[in-house]
Amino acid sequence: MPEIVHSFRDDTAWVEANTLEIAADPDNLRQIPDEFRENGLIAASPDGAVVAVLCATEAGRIELCFELWDGAPPLDAGAWQDIAEISVDWPGVTMDVGTGHHLELGRRSMLRFRAYAARRDDGDVRGDGNRERFLLQVWPQRRSRPEMLRAQSDFGQQARSPREALSEGFTIHGMTPEQMMEEYGDR
């Protein structure tokens, strides 16, 4: 049975530009992913050095639980709006979670990232007890296709379909839907 190797909880994690970054080298965030069309929740840079979790909170506090496992963890089917998984050929032996947590992995490996999100449709300004909530699970695994395991938030839907965001007025990465359409088109 898989076990947790390392975990932490941060109920006041800070995010900016709608993203929580996980980096192999925190001093070199050269290619922060900005394309979340595949699942509206998690993406990796082309070189795999940065994984980003898309937050509805543009700049502010979120609740984060991070778990590093030695194998595939069981799916937490709790009260999560969105759940998605991606595989990343992690280029380093360390991992820095954007909240100031530094992990030593010991070796390079193919990693699977599963992100869970809740309270994504509650707006950007939130008080204590109503922050956007995330669970991020990471484990070694051979490359496999990305998966969208649950897609229930309006915010995630807008990230997957920028054209539909035009009528909703969402802001992602500090860009209005109109700016997103101009920059990325309707791919």
Protein backbone atom coordinates (compact mmCIF):
# COMPACT_ATOMS: atom_id res chain seq x y z
CA MET A 1 0.00 0.00 0.00
CA PRO A 2 1.45 3.42 -0.94
CA GLU A 3 2.50 5.70 1.89
CA ILE A 4 3.07 9.42 2.35
CA VAL A 5 6.77 10.28 2.35
CA HIS A 6 6.36 13.98 3.12
CA SER A 7 3.39 16.28 3.65
CA PHE A 8 2.56 19.75 4.83
CA ARG A 9 -0.48 21.94 5.25
CA ASP A 10 -0.52 25.70 4.79
CA ASP A 11 -3.86 27.41 5.42
CA THR A 12 -2.47 30.82 4.43
CA ALA A 13 -0.42 30.00 1.32
CA TRP A 14 0.12 33.05 -0.88
CA VAL A 15 -0.50 32.96 -4.66
CA GLU A 16 0.04 35.59 -7.34
CA ALA A 17 -1.01 35.82 -10.98
CA ASN A 18 -3.63 33.11 -10.37
CA THR A 19 -0.98 30.39 -9.93
CA LEU A 20 0.72 28.25 -7.36
CA GLU A 21 4.11 27.23 -8.77
CA ILE A 22 6.05 24.07 -8.03
CA ALA A 23 9.59 24.36 -9.41
CA ALA A 24 12.69 22.22 -9.81
CA ASP A 25 14.75 25.42 -9.41
CA PRO A 26 12.96 28.29 -7.63
CA ASP A 27 15.52 30.81 -8.88
CA ASN A 28 14.75 30.01 -12.50
CA LEU A 29 11.01 30.18 -13.14
CA ARG A 30 11.68 30.71 -16.83
CA GLN A 31 8.62 29.03 -18.26
CA ILE A 32 5.66 29.26 -15.93
CA PRO A 33 2.79 27.49 -17.68
CA ASP A 34 -0.04 29.73 -18.75
CA GLU A 35 -2.10 27.29 -20.79
CA PHE A 36 -4.71 25.39 -18.81
CA ARG A 37 -7.07 24.39 -21.65
CA GLU A 38 -6.51 20.70 -21.14
CA ASN A 39 -8.04 20.51 -17.67
CA GLY A 40 -8.50 24.03 -16.27
CA LEU A 41 -6.46 23.17 -13.19
CA ILE A 42 -2.83 22.03 -13.61
CA ALA A 43 -0.16 22.33 -16.31
CA ALA A 44 3.59 21.89 -16.78
CA SER A 45 6.13 24.00 -18.63
CA PRO A 46 7.50 22.46 -21.85
CA ASP A 47 10.77 21.56 -20.11
CA GLY A 48 8.94 20.12 -17.07
CA ALA A 49 10.83 22.42 -14.69
CA VAL A 50 7.68 24.19 -13.45
CA VAL A 51 4.23 22.86 -12.66
CA ALA A 52 1.50 25.43 -12.06
CA VAL A 53 -1.88 25.04 -10.40
CA LEU A 54 -4.46 27.53 -11.67
CA CYS A 55 -6.22 29.40 -8.86
CA ALA A 56 -9.32 31.56 -9.07
CA THR A 57 -7.61 33.79 -6.51
CA GLU A 58 -5.60 36.28 -8.54
CA ALA A 59 -3.44 37.40 -5.60
CA GLY A 60 -4.10 36.33 -2.05
CA ARG A 61 -4.28 33.43 0.39
CA ILE A 62 -5.36 29.87 -0.33
CA GLU A 63 -5.50 26.67 1.72
CA LEU A 64 -3.02 24.04 0.52
CA CYS A 65 -2.33 20.47 1.55
CA PHE A 66 0.69 18.90 -0.20
CA GLU A 67 1.50 15.18 -0.15
CA LEU A 68 4.53 13.39 -1.62
CA TRP A 69 3.80 9.66 -1.91
CA ASP A 70 5.97 6.62 -2.68
CA GLY A 71 3.29 5.25 -5.03
CA ALA A 72 -0.12 6.14 -6.44
CA PRO A 73 -2.36 7.35 -3.59
CA PRO A 74 -6.04 6.47 -3.40
CA LEU A 75 -8.34 9.02 -4.99
CA ASP A 76 -9.92 11.41 -2.49
CA ALA A 77 -13.45 11.69 -3.84
CA GLY A 78 -14.50 14.19 -1.15
CA ALA A 79 -16.05 17.60 -1.71
CA TRP A 80 -13.70 18.65 -4.53
CA GLN A 81 -15.02 20.56 -7.54
CA ASP A 82 -12.14 19.76 -9.90
CA ILE A 83 -9.56 16.94 -9.97
CA ALA A 84 -6.90 16.51 -12.67
CA GLU A 85 -3.65 14.59 -13.18
CA ILE A 86 -0.57 15.14 -15.34
CA SER A 87 2.78 13.37 -15.73
CA VAL A 88 6.03 15.34 -15.68
CA ASP A 89 9.59 14.24 -16.37
CA TRP A 90 10.91 16.14 -13.33
CA PRO A 91 14.32 17.60 -14.27
CA GLY A 92 15.75 18.05 -10.79
CA VAL A 93 16.37 16.34 -7.48
CA THR A 94 14.60 19.06 -5.51
CA MET A 95 11.11 20.51 -5.52
CA ASP A 96 10.14 23.96 -4.31
CA VAL A 97 6.48 24.54 -3.66
CA GLY A 98 5.61 28.22 -4.09
CA THR A 99 4.73 28.46 -0.43
CA GLY A 100 8.37 28.32 0.68
CA HIS A 101 8.54 24.56 1.20
CA HIS A 102 11.65 22.84 -0.18
CA LEU A 103 11.78 19.06 -0.71
CA GLU A 104 14.75 16.83 -1.47
CA LEU A 105 13.64 14.10 -3.88
CA GLY A 106 16.97 12.28 -4.02
CA ARG A 107 16.89 11.65 -7.77
CA ARG A 108 15.31 12.74 -11.01
CA SER A 109 12.21 10.80 -11.98
CA MET A 110 8.95 10.78 -13.84
CA LEU A 111 6.33 12.18 -11.47
CA ARG A 112 2.57 12.16 -11.47
CA PHE A 113 0.82 15.28 -10.11
CA ARG A 114 -2.83 15.11 -9.01
CA ALA A 115 -4.47 18.41 -8.14
CA TYR A 116 -7.78 18.81 -6.33
CA ALA A 117 -9.58 22.14 -6.01
CA ALA A 118 -12.61 23.46 -4.12
CA ARG A 119 -14.26 26.86 -3.59
CA ARG A 120 -13.13 28.00 -7.05
CA ASP A 121 -16.33 29.88 -7.84
CA ASP A 122 -16.47 32.05 -4.71
CA GLY A 123 -14.77 35.13 -6.16
CA ASP A 124 -11.30 36.60 -5.66
CA VAL A 125 -11.73 38.43 -2.35
CA ARG A 126 -12.39 36.00 0.47
CA GLY A 127 -12.28 36.01 4.22
CA ASP A 128 -10.81 33.40 6.52
CA GLY A 129 -12.66 30.10 6.33
CA ASN A 130 -13.77 30.70 2.75
CA ARG A 131 -10.43 30.53 0.92
CA GLU A 132 -9.92 28.52 -2.22
CA ARG A 133 -8.75 25.04 -1.20
CA PHE A 134 -6.25 22.67 -2.86
CA LEU A 135 -4.79 19.23 -2.31
CA LEU A 136 -1.71 18.39 -4.38
CA GLN A 137 -0.51 14.78 -4.45
CA VAL A 138 2.76 13.80 -6.15
CA TRP A 139 4.27 10.36 -6.68
CA PRO A 140 6.71 8.54 -8.98
CA GLN A 141 5.01 6.87 -11.93
CA ARG A 142 5.71 6.08 -15.54
CA ARG A 143 4.38 8.61 -18.01
CA SER A 144 0.68 8.27 -18.65
CA ARG A 145 -1.88 10.46 -20.32
CA PRO A 146 -3.33 13.50 -18.55
CA GLU A 147 -6.67 12.88 -16.92
CA MET A 148 -9.57 15.11 -15.92
CA LEU A 149 -11.16 13.15 -13.08
CA ARG A 150 -13.75 15.73 -12.07
CA ALA A 151 -14.80 19.03 -13.68
CA GLN A 152 -17.51 20.85 -11.75
CA SER A 153 -16.35 24.43 -11.20
CA ASP A 154 -17.42 27.27 -13.47
CA PHE A 155 -13.93 28.77 -13.13
CA GLY A 156 -12.28 25.59 -14.42
CA GLN A 157 -14.73 25.47 -17.31
CA GLN A 158 -13.84 29.04 -18.25
CA ALA A 159 -10.12 28.17 -18.19
CA ARG A 160 -10.79 25.25 -20.53
CA SER A 161 -12.95 27.38 -22.85
CA PRO A 162 -11.80 31.04 -23.02
CA ARG A 163 -14.46 31.93 -25.63
CA GLU A 164 -17.19 31.12 -23.09
CA ALA A 165 -15.39 33.28 -20.52
CA LEU A 166 -16.17 36.39 -22.58
CA SER A 167 -19.72 36.45 -21.28
CA GLU A 168 -18.73 35.61 -17.70
CA GLY A 169 -16.09 38.29 -17.02
CA PHE A 170 -13.49 35.97 -15.43
CA THR A 171 -9.88 37.10 -15.00
CA ILE A 172 -7.11 34.51 -15.41
CA HIS A 173 -3.42 35.40 -15.02
CA GLY A 174 -4.52 39.01 -14.69
CA MET A 175 -5.99 38.89 -18.21
CA THR A 176 -9.60 39.52 -19.10
CA PRO A 177 -11.30 36.97 -21.37
CA GLU A 178 -10.96 39.45 -24.24
CA GLN A 179 -7.19 39.67 -23.67
CA MET A 180 -6.97 35.87 -23.44
CA MET A 181 -8.78 35.50 -26.78
CA GLU A 182 -6.49 38.05 -28.38
CA GLU A 183 -3.37 36.38 -26.97
CA TYR A 184 -4.27 32.69 -27.36
CA GLY A 185 -7.24 32.61 -29.75
CA ASP A 186 -9.88 29.91 -29.55
CA ARG A 187 -7.70 26.81 -29.78
